[in-house]
């Protein structure tokens, strides 16, 4: 057998074994059950690393869209260090942090640091950065006190002087 052909076959077998082992094992995540992240390693098949990325990326994107394999969201808050919530559940003690979602999953991310709060709604379609601007809540104007007054024998409520 040609040494180059043997090396290619060995690499393909090793890759297939790794993928099957990764997909067949139990997930270490708690509760979600459906979130799987597949890591793909490719040997240098093209003329350069950039050429490999150019050729492989559309296929990897198509694979992600068809399978619902995980999308990574890098969540940053301004200022950093906020507690991060995903759909009402805490997922991170302090930003910046990474949140995993499935393709086309709708997320409501919210951050809170002391009195500062912020939100972002995201449709996870690709790996991306999400920035949440934290701000102090706007204080409602104080409610005006109403007083009962009588005008021409009719009692009405008016703002107190």
N, C-alpha and C. Protein backbone atom coordinates (compact mmCIF):
# COMPACT_ATOMS: atom_id res chain seq x y z
N UNK A 1 0.84 -1.19 0.00
CA UNK A 1 0.00 0.00 0.00
C UNK A 1 0.88 1.24 0.00
N UNK A 2 0.46 2.23 -0.73
CA UNK A 2 1.17 3.50 -0.83
C UNK A 2 1.24 4.14 0.56
N UNK A 3 2.44 4.58 1.04
CA UNK A 3 2.56 5.15 2.39
C UNK A 3 1.66 6.37 2.61
N UNK A 4 1.47 7.21 1.59
CA UNK A 4 0.61 8.38 1.74
C UNK A 4 -0.85 7.96 1.91
N UNK A 5 -1.28 6.97 1.11
CA UNK A 5 -2.65 6.48 1.20
C UNK A 5 -2.90 5.82 2.57
N UNK A 6 -1.88 5.08 3.08
CA UNK A 6 -1.99 4.43 4.38
C UNK A 6 -2.13 5.48 5.48
N UNK A 7 -1.33 6.56 5.41
CA UNK A 7 -1.39 7.63 6.42
C UNK A 7 -2.75 8.31 6.39
N UNK A 8 -3.28 8.55 5.19
CA UNK A 8 -4.60 9.19 5.07
C UNK A 8 -5.69 8.29 5.65
N UNK A 9 -5.62 6.98 5.37
CA UNK A 9 -6.60 6.03 5.89
C UNK A 9 -6.51 5.95 7.42
N UNK A 10 -5.28 5.95 7.94
CA UNK A 10 -5.10 5.90 9.40
C UNK A 10 -5.67 7.15 10.06
N UNK A 11 -5.42 8.32 9.45
CA UNK A 11 -5.96 9.57 9.99
C UNK A 11 -7.48 9.56 9.96
N UNK A 12 -8.06 9.10 8.87
CA UNK A 12 -9.52 9.04 8.76
C UNK A 12 -10.10 8.11 9.81
N UNK A 13 -9.46 6.97 10.03
CA UNK A 13 -9.94 6.01 11.02
C UNK A 13 -9.85 6.60 12.43
N UNK A 14 -8.73 7.28 12.72
CA UNK A 14 -8.57 7.89 14.04
C UNK A 14 -9.60 8.98 14.27
N UNK A 15 -9.85 9.78 13.24
CA UNK A 15 -10.85 10.85 13.36
C UNK A 15 -12.23 10.27 13.58
N UNK A 16 -12.60 9.26 12.81
CA UNK A 16 -13.92 8.64 12.95
C UNK A 16 -14.07 8.04 14.34
N UNK A 17 -13.04 7.38 14.82
CA UNK A 17 -13.09 6.80 16.17
C UNK A 17 -13.30 7.88 17.21
N UNK A 18 -12.59 9.00 17.08
CA UNK A 18 -12.73 10.10 18.04
C UNK A 18 -14.14 10.68 18.02
N UNK A 19 -14.69 10.87 16.82
CA UNK A 19 -16.04 11.44 16.69
C UNK A 19 -17.07 10.49 17.28
N UNK A 20 -16.96 9.21 16.97
CA UNK A 20 -17.92 8.25 17.51
C UNK A 20 -17.81 8.14 19.02
N UNK A 21 -16.59 8.18 19.55
CA UNK A 21 -16.42 8.13 21.00
C UNK A 21 -17.02 9.35 21.65
N UNK A 22 -16.83 10.52 21.03
CA UNK A 22 -17.37 11.77 21.59
C UNK A 22 -18.89 11.77 21.54
N UNK A 23 -19.48 11.25 20.46
CA UNK A 23 -20.93 11.26 20.32
C UNK A 23 -21.58 10.15 21.13
N UNK A 24 -20.91 9.06 21.32
CA UNK A 24 -21.52 7.91 21.98
C UNK A 24 -21.48 7.98 23.48
N UNK A 25 -20.59 8.75 24.07
CA UNK A 25 -20.45 8.80 25.52
C UNK A 25 -21.54 9.63 26.14
N UNK A 26 -21.65 9.51 27.46
CA UNK A 26 -22.66 10.30 28.15
C UNK A 26 -22.14 11.71 28.34
N UNK A 27 -23.06 12.63 28.39
CA UNK A 27 -22.71 14.04 28.52
C UNK A 27 -22.45 14.36 29.97
N UNK A 28 -21.46 15.20 30.23
CA UNK A 28 -21.16 15.61 31.60
C UNK A 28 -22.00 16.78 32.05
N UNK A 29 -22.81 17.34 31.15
CA UNK A 29 -23.61 18.50 31.53
C UNK A 29 -24.80 18.05 32.33
N UNK A 30 -25.32 18.93 33.15
CA UNK A 30 -26.44 18.57 34.00
C UNK A 30 -27.73 19.05 33.41
N UNK A 31 -28.64 18.13 33.21
CA UNK A 31 -30.01 18.49 32.88
C UNK A 31 -30.35 18.81 31.45
N UNK A 32 -29.51 19.46 30.66
CA UNK A 32 -29.93 19.94 29.36
C UNK A 32 -30.13 18.80 28.38
N UNK A 33 -29.30 17.76 28.42
CA UNK A 33 -29.50 16.57 27.62
C UNK A 33 -29.29 16.77 26.14
N UNK A 34 -29.73 17.86 25.51
CA UNK A 34 -29.66 18.00 24.07
C UNK A 34 -28.47 18.79 23.56
N UNK A 35 -27.77 19.49 24.40
CA UNK A 35 -26.66 20.32 23.94
C UNK A 35 -25.41 19.49 23.77
N UNK A 36 -24.91 19.42 22.55
CA UNK A 36 -23.70 18.69 22.23
C UNK A 36 -22.79 19.63 21.47
N UNK A 37 -21.52 19.63 21.81
CA UNK A 37 -20.54 20.40 21.06
C UNK A 37 -19.62 19.43 20.38
N UNK A 38 -19.46 19.55 19.08
CA UNK A 38 -18.58 18.69 18.32
C UNK A 38 -17.35 19.49 17.95
N UNK A 39 -16.18 18.95 18.30
CA UNK A 39 -14.93 19.59 17.92
C UNK A 39 -14.38 18.85 16.72
N UNK A 40 -14.04 19.59 15.69
CA UNK A 40 -13.57 19.00 14.44
C UNK A 40 -12.12 19.41 14.22
N UNK A 41 -11.27 18.41 14.05
CA UNK A 41 -9.86 18.67 13.74
C UNK A 41 -9.63 18.27 12.30
N UNK A 42 -9.00 19.12 11.54
CA UNK A 42 -8.71 18.82 10.13
C UNK A 42 -7.21 18.94 9.90
N UNK A 43 -6.65 17.96 9.20
CA UNK A 43 -5.24 18.07 8.84
C UNK A 43 -5.14 19.04 7.66
N UNK A 44 -3.96 19.53 7.41
CA UNK A 44 -3.74 20.51 6.36
C UNK A 44 -3.95 19.87 4.99
N UNK A 45 -5.14 20.02 4.43
CA UNK A 45 -5.48 19.43 3.14
C UNK A 45 -5.31 20.41 1.99
N UNK A 46 -5.45 21.68 2.27
CA UNK A 46 -5.36 22.69 1.21
C UNK A 46 -3.95 23.25 1.10
N UNK A 47 -3.85 24.36 0.41
CA UNK A 47 -2.55 24.99 0.20
C UNK A 47 -2.08 25.76 1.43
N UNK A 48 -3.02 26.12 2.32
CA UNK A 48 -2.66 26.84 3.54
C UNK A 48 -3.79 26.66 4.55
N UNK A 49 -3.55 27.11 5.77
CA UNK A 49 -4.58 27.04 6.81
C UNK A 49 -5.79 27.89 6.43
N UNK A 50 -5.55 29.07 5.87
CA UNK A 50 -6.65 29.93 5.44
C UNK A 50 -7.47 29.26 4.34
N UNK A 51 -6.78 28.56 3.44
CA UNK A 51 -7.47 27.84 2.37
C UNK A 51 -8.34 26.72 2.95
N UNK A 52 -7.81 26.00 3.96
CA UNK A 52 -8.60 24.95 4.63
C UNK A 52 -9.86 25.56 5.25
N UNK A 53 -9.71 26.69 5.96
CA UNK A 53 -10.85 27.34 6.61
C UNK A 53 -11.89 27.76 5.56
N UNK A 54 -11.41 28.30 4.46
CA UNK A 54 -12.31 28.77 3.40
C UNK A 54 -13.12 27.60 2.83
N UNK A 55 -12.48 26.45 2.67
CA UNK A 55 -13.16 25.28 2.11
C UNK A 55 -14.08 24.62 3.14
N UNK A 56 -13.60 24.47 4.39
CA UNK A 56 -14.34 23.72 5.39
C UNK A 56 -15.47 24.51 6.07
N UNK A 57 -15.32 25.82 6.24
CA UNK A 57 -16.29 26.59 7.03
C UNK A 57 -17.72 26.49 6.51
N UNK A 58 -17.97 26.61 5.20
CA UNK A 58 -19.36 26.48 4.74
C UNK A 58 -19.96 25.10 5.08
N UNK A 59 -19.16 24.06 4.99
CA UNK A 59 -19.65 22.72 5.33
C UNK A 59 -19.92 22.59 6.82
N UNK A 60 -19.03 23.14 7.63
CA UNK A 60 -19.25 23.09 9.08
C UNK A 60 -20.49 23.89 9.46
N UNK A 61 -20.70 25.05 8.83
CA UNK A 61 -21.89 25.86 9.10
C UNK A 61 -23.15 25.11 8.72
N UNK A 62 -23.14 24.44 7.57
CA UNK A 62 -24.28 23.65 7.12
C UNK A 62 -24.56 22.51 8.10
N UNK A 63 -23.50 21.85 8.55
CA UNK A 63 -23.63 20.75 9.51
C UNK A 63 -24.27 21.25 10.81
N UNK A 64 -23.80 22.41 11.31
CA UNK A 64 -24.36 22.98 12.54
C UNK A 64 -25.85 23.27 12.37
N UNK A 65 -26.20 23.86 11.23
CA UNK A 65 -27.61 24.23 10.99
C UNK A 65 -28.50 22.99 10.93
N UNK A 66 -28.01 21.90 10.34
CA UNK A 66 -28.82 20.69 10.20
C UNK A 66 -28.94 19.91 11.50
N UNK A 67 -27.91 19.93 12.32
CA UNK A 67 -27.89 19.07 13.51
C UNK A 67 -28.26 19.79 14.79
N UNK A 68 -28.21 21.10 14.81
CA UNK A 68 -28.49 21.82 16.05
C UNK A 68 -27.35 21.75 17.04
N UNK A 69 -26.17 21.40 16.57
CA UNK A 69 -25.00 21.34 17.44
C UNK A 69 -24.76 22.74 18.02
N UNK A 70 -24.11 22.81 19.14
CA UNK A 70 -24.01 24.01 19.95
C UNK A 70 -23.41 25.24 19.25
N UNK A 71 -23.94 26.39 19.69
CA UNK A 71 -23.43 27.70 19.29
C UNK A 71 -22.88 28.33 20.57
N UNK A 72 -21.70 28.91 20.50
CA UNK A 72 -21.09 29.54 21.67
C UNK A 72 -21.30 31.04 21.61
N UNK A 73 -21.82 31.59 22.70
CA UNK A 73 -22.02 33.02 22.82
C UNK A 73 -21.07 33.54 23.89
N UNK A 74 -20.20 34.45 23.53
CA UNK A 74 -19.31 35.09 24.50
C UNK A 74 -20.05 36.32 25.01
N UNK A 75 -20.43 36.30 26.28
CA UNK A 75 -21.23 37.38 26.84
C UNK A 75 -20.35 38.29 27.68
N UNK A 76 -20.42 39.57 27.34
CA UNK A 76 -19.63 40.61 28.00
C UNK A 76 -20.61 41.64 28.54
N UNK A 77 -20.36 42.13 29.74
CA UNK A 77 -21.19 43.22 30.25
C UNK A 77 -20.31 44.45 30.44
N UNK A 78 -20.94 45.60 30.36
CA UNK A 78 -20.25 46.86 30.58
C UNK A 78 -20.94 47.55 31.74
N UNK A 79 -20.38 47.57 32.93
CA UNK A 79 -19.07 47.09 33.35
C UNK A 79 -19.06 45.57 33.54
N UNK A 80 -17.85 44.95 33.50
CA UNK A 80 -17.73 43.50 33.67
C UNK A 80 -17.99 43.08 35.11
N UNK A 81 -18.10 41.77 35.33
CA UNK A 81 -18.28 41.24 36.68
C UNK A 81 -19.72 41.04 37.10
N UNK A 82 -20.66 41.11 36.16
CA UNK A 82 -22.08 40.96 36.49
C UNK A 82 -22.46 39.48 36.58
N UNK A 83 -23.47 39.19 37.35
CA UNK A 83 -24.07 37.86 37.39
C UNK A 83 -24.92 37.73 36.13
N UNK A 84 -24.80 36.60 35.42
CA UNK A 84 -25.52 36.44 34.16
C UNK A 84 -26.63 35.42 34.29
N UNK A 85 -27.81 35.77 33.77
CA UNK A 85 -28.97 34.89 33.77
C UNK A 85 -29.34 34.57 32.32
N UNK A 86 -29.72 33.31 32.08
CA UNK A 86 -30.18 32.86 30.76
C UNK A 86 -31.61 32.38 30.94
N UNK A 87 -32.57 33.07 30.33
CA UNK A 87 -33.98 32.75 30.44
C UNK A 87 -34.42 32.60 31.90
N UNK A 88 -33.90 33.49 32.75
CA UNK A 88 -34.31 33.51 34.16
C UNK A 88 -33.48 32.64 35.09
N UNK A 89 -32.53 31.88 34.57
CA UNK A 89 -31.71 31.01 35.40
C UNK A 89 -30.26 31.48 35.37
N UNK A 90 -29.60 31.51 36.54
CA UNK A 90 -28.21 31.96 36.60
C UNK A 90 -27.32 30.94 35.91
N UNK A 91 -26.47 31.43 34.99
CA UNK A 91 -25.55 30.57 34.26
C UNK A 91 -24.09 30.97 34.46
N UNK A 92 -23.85 32.10 35.10
CA UNK A 92 -22.48 32.58 35.26
C UNK A 92 -22.41 33.50 36.48
N UNK A 93 -21.36 33.30 37.29
CA UNK A 93 -21.20 34.14 38.48
C UNK A 93 -20.69 35.53 38.16
N UNK A 94 -19.80 35.64 37.16
CA UNK A 94 -19.22 36.94 36.83
C UNK A 94 -18.82 36.97 35.36
N UNK A 95 -19.28 37.99 34.65
CA UNK A 95 -18.93 38.14 33.24
C UNK A 95 -17.53 38.71 33.13
N UNK A 96 -16.83 38.50 32.02
CA UNK A 96 -17.27 37.84 30.80
C UNK A 96 -17.32 36.31 30.98
N UNK A 97 -18.23 35.66 30.24
CA UNK A 97 -18.33 34.21 30.28
C UNK A 97 -18.93 33.71 28.97
N UNK A 98 -18.91 32.39 28.81
CA UNK A 98 -19.40 31.77 27.59
C UNK A 98 -20.68 31.01 27.88
N UNK A 99 -21.68 31.19 27.03
CA UNK A 99 -22.97 30.51 27.15
C UNK A 99 -23.15 29.65 25.91
N UNK A 100 -23.60 28.41 26.10
CA UNK A 100 -23.83 27.52 24.99
C UNK A 100 -25.32 27.45 24.69
N UNK A 101 -25.67 27.49 23.41
CA UNK A 101 -27.07 27.41 22.98
C UNK A 101 -27.12 26.53 21.74
N UNK A 102 -28.31 26.09 21.37
CA UNK A 102 -28.46 25.35 20.12
C UNK A 102 -28.76 26.34 19.00
N UNK A 103 -28.54 25.92 17.78
CA UNK A 103 -28.78 26.77 16.62
C UNK A 103 -30.25 27.17 16.61
N UNK A 104 -30.52 28.44 16.39
CA UNK A 104 -31.85 29.05 16.33
C UNK A 104 -32.59 29.06 17.68
N UNK A 105 -31.86 28.89 18.77
CA UNK A 105 -32.48 29.00 20.10
C UNK A 105 -32.64 30.48 20.43
N UNK A 106 -33.79 30.85 20.97
CA UNK A 106 -34.03 32.22 21.40
C UNK A 106 -33.69 32.33 22.87
N UNK A 107 -32.85 33.30 23.20
CA UNK A 107 -32.39 33.47 24.58
C UNK A 107 -32.68 34.88 25.06
N UNK A 108 -33.01 34.99 26.33
CA UNK A 108 -33.05 36.30 26.96
C UNK A 108 -31.97 36.30 28.01
N UNK A 109 -30.93 37.06 27.77
CA UNK A 109 -29.80 37.16 28.69
C UNK A 109 -29.94 38.43 29.50
N UNK A 110 -29.72 38.33 30.80
CA UNK A 110 -29.77 39.53 31.64
C UNK A 110 -28.60 39.51 32.60
N UNK A 111 -28.07 40.68 32.85
CA UNK A 111 -26.94 40.84 33.76
C UNK A 111 -27.30 41.77 34.88
N UNK A 112 -26.70 41.50 36.04
CA UNK A 112 -26.98 42.34 37.20
C UNK A 112 -25.71 42.46 38.04
N UNK A 113 -25.35 43.68 38.36
CA UNK A 113 -24.21 43.96 39.22
C UNK A 113 -24.60 45.08 40.15
N UNK A 114 -24.90 44.72 41.40
CA UNK A 114 -25.38 45.72 42.35
C UNK A 114 -26.67 46.33 41.84
N UNK A 115 -26.76 47.67 41.80
CA UNK A 115 -27.98 48.31 41.33
C UNK A 115 -28.08 48.37 39.79
N UNK A 116 -27.00 47.98 39.10
CA UNK A 116 -26.98 48.06 37.63
C UNK A 116 -27.58 46.80 37.02
N UNK A 117 -28.40 47.00 35.97
CA UNK A 117 -29.07 45.88 35.30
C UNK A 117 -29.09 46.12 33.80
N UNK A 118 -29.17 45.01 33.04
CA UNK A 118 -29.27 45.12 31.59
C UNK A 118 -29.78 43.81 31.00
N UNK A 119 -30.31 43.87 29.76
CA UNK A 119 -30.88 42.71 29.08
C UNK A 119 -30.49 42.70 27.62
N UNK A 120 -30.53 41.50 27.04
CA UNK A 120 -30.33 41.34 25.60
C UNK A 120 -31.10 40.11 25.16
N UNK A 121 -31.82 40.24 24.04
CA UNK A 121 -32.48 39.08 23.44
C UNK A 121 -31.64 38.65 22.25
N UNK A 122 -31.39 37.33 22.14
CA UNK A 122 -30.50 36.82 21.13
C UNK A 122 -31.13 35.61 20.44
N UNK A 123 -31.00 35.55 19.11
CA UNK A 123 -31.33 34.35 18.35
C UNK A 123 -29.99 33.74 17.97
N UNK A 124 -29.65 32.62 18.60
CA UNK A 124 -28.33 32.01 18.42
C UNK A 124 -28.26 31.32 17.06
N UNK A 125 -27.55 31.93 16.12
CA UNK A 125 -27.40 31.34 14.79
C UNK A 125 -25.96 30.97 14.49
N UNK A 126 -25.02 31.59 15.19
CA UNK A 126 -23.60 31.32 14.97
C UNK A 126 -22.86 31.71 16.23
N UNK A 127 -21.60 31.29 16.34
CA UNK A 127 -20.77 31.72 17.45
C UNK A 127 -20.64 33.24 17.37
N UNK A 128 -20.87 33.93 18.49
CA UNK A 128 -20.85 35.39 18.44
C UNK A 128 -20.61 35.98 19.81
N UNK A 129 -20.32 37.29 19.82
CA UNK A 129 -20.17 38.05 21.06
C UNK A 129 -21.47 38.80 21.31
N UNK A 130 -21.87 38.83 22.57
CA UNK A 130 -23.06 39.58 22.97
C UNK A 130 -22.63 40.53 24.08
N UNK A 131 -22.90 41.82 23.90
CA UNK A 131 -22.55 42.81 24.92
C UNK A 131 -23.83 43.35 25.54
N UNK A 132 -23.86 43.33 26.87
CA UNK A 132 -25.02 43.85 27.61
C UNK A 132 -24.55 45.10 28.37
N UNK A 133 -25.16 46.21 28.08
CA UNK A 133 -24.85 47.48 28.76
C UNK A 133 -25.69 47.53 30.03
N UNK A 134 -25.02 47.65 31.18
CA UNK A 134 -25.71 47.73 32.47
C UNK A 134 -25.95 49.19 32.83
N UNK A 135 -27.12 49.46 33.37
CA UNK A 135 -27.46 50.83 33.76
C UNK A 135 -28.31 50.79 35.02
N UNK A 136 -28.29 51.89 35.74
CA UNK A 136 -29.12 52.01 36.94
C UNK A 136 -30.58 52.14 36.51
N UNK A 137 -31.48 51.52 37.26
CA UNK A 137 -32.90 51.65 36.90
C UNK A 137 -33.35 53.11 37.00
N UNK A 138 -34.24 53.48 36.11
CA UNK A 138 -34.76 54.85 36.10
C UNK A 138 -35.79 54.96 37.22
N UNK A 139 -35.58 55.92 38.10
CA UNK A 139 -36.49 56.13 39.22
C UNK A 139 -37.78 56.77 38.73
N UNK A 140 -38.90 56.22 39.14
CA UNK A 140 -40.20 56.78 38.78
C UNK A 140 -40.39 58.08 39.56
N UNK A 141 -41.01 59.06 38.93
CA UNK A 141 -41.25 60.31 39.66
C UNK A 141 -42.17 60.03 40.85
N UNK A 142 -41.98 60.75 41.92
CA UNK A 142 -42.82 60.51 43.11
C UNK A 142 -44.29 60.77 42.77
N UNK A 143 -45.14 59.91 43.32
CA UNK A 143 -46.58 60.07 43.09
C UNK A 143 -47.06 61.33 43.80
N UNK A 144 -47.85 62.10 43.10
CA UNK A 144 -48.36 63.33 43.68
C UNK A 144 -49.54 63.00 44.59
N UNK A 145 -49.54 63.65 45.75
CA UNK A 145 -50.60 63.44 46.72
C UNK A 145 -51.87 64.17 46.27
N UNK A 146 -53.00 63.49 46.42
CA UNK A 146 -54.28 64.09 46.02
C UNK A 146 -55.06 64.51 47.27
N UNK A 147 -55.74 65.64 47.16
CA UNK A 147 -56.54 66.17 48.26
C UNK A 147 -57.99 66.35 47.79
N UNK A 148 -58.88 66.13 48.72
CA UNK A 148 -60.30 66.31 48.41
C UNK A 148 -60.65 67.78 48.67
N UNK A 149 -61.25 68.40 47.65
CA UNK A 149 -61.69 69.79 47.80
C UNK A 149 -63.14 69.89 47.36
N UNK A 150 -63.80 70.91 47.88
CA UNK A 150 -65.22 71.10 47.54
C UNK A 150 -65.35 72.39 46.75
N UNK A 151 -65.93 72.24 45.55
CA UNK A 151 -66.15 73.40 44.70
C UNK A 151 -67.63 73.41 44.32
N UNK A 152 -68.32 74.52 44.68
CA UNK A 152 -69.75 74.67 44.40
C UNK A 152 -70.54 73.46 44.88
N UNK A 153 -70.21 72.96 46.08
CA UNK A 153 -70.94 71.84 46.66
C UNK A 153 -70.54 70.48 46.09
N UNK A 154 -69.58 70.45 45.16
CA UNK A 154 -69.15 69.20 44.55
C UNK A 154 -67.75 68.86 45.07
N UNK A 155 -67.61 67.64 45.62
CA UNK A 155 -66.30 67.21 46.13
C UNK A 155 -65.52 66.57 45.01
N UNK A 156 -64.29 67.04 44.82
CA UNK A 156 -63.42 66.48 43.80
C UNK A 156 -62.01 66.29 44.37
N UNK A 157 -61.21 65.49 43.66
CA UNK A 157 -59.82 65.29 44.05
C UNK A 157 -58.93 66.13 43.14
N UNK A 158 -57.99 66.83 43.79
CA UNK A 158 -57.02 67.66 43.06
C UNK A 158 -55.64 67.44 43.69
N UNK A 159 -54.60 67.71 42.93
CA UNK A 159 -53.27 67.63 43.54
C UNK A 159 -53.18 68.60 44.71
N UNK A 160 -52.60 68.14 45.80
CA UNK A 160 -52.46 68.99 46.99
C UNK A 160 -51.43 70.08 46.73
N UNK A 161 -51.68 71.24 47.36
CA UNK A 161 -50.72 72.35 47.18
C UNK A 161 -49.42 72.10 47.95
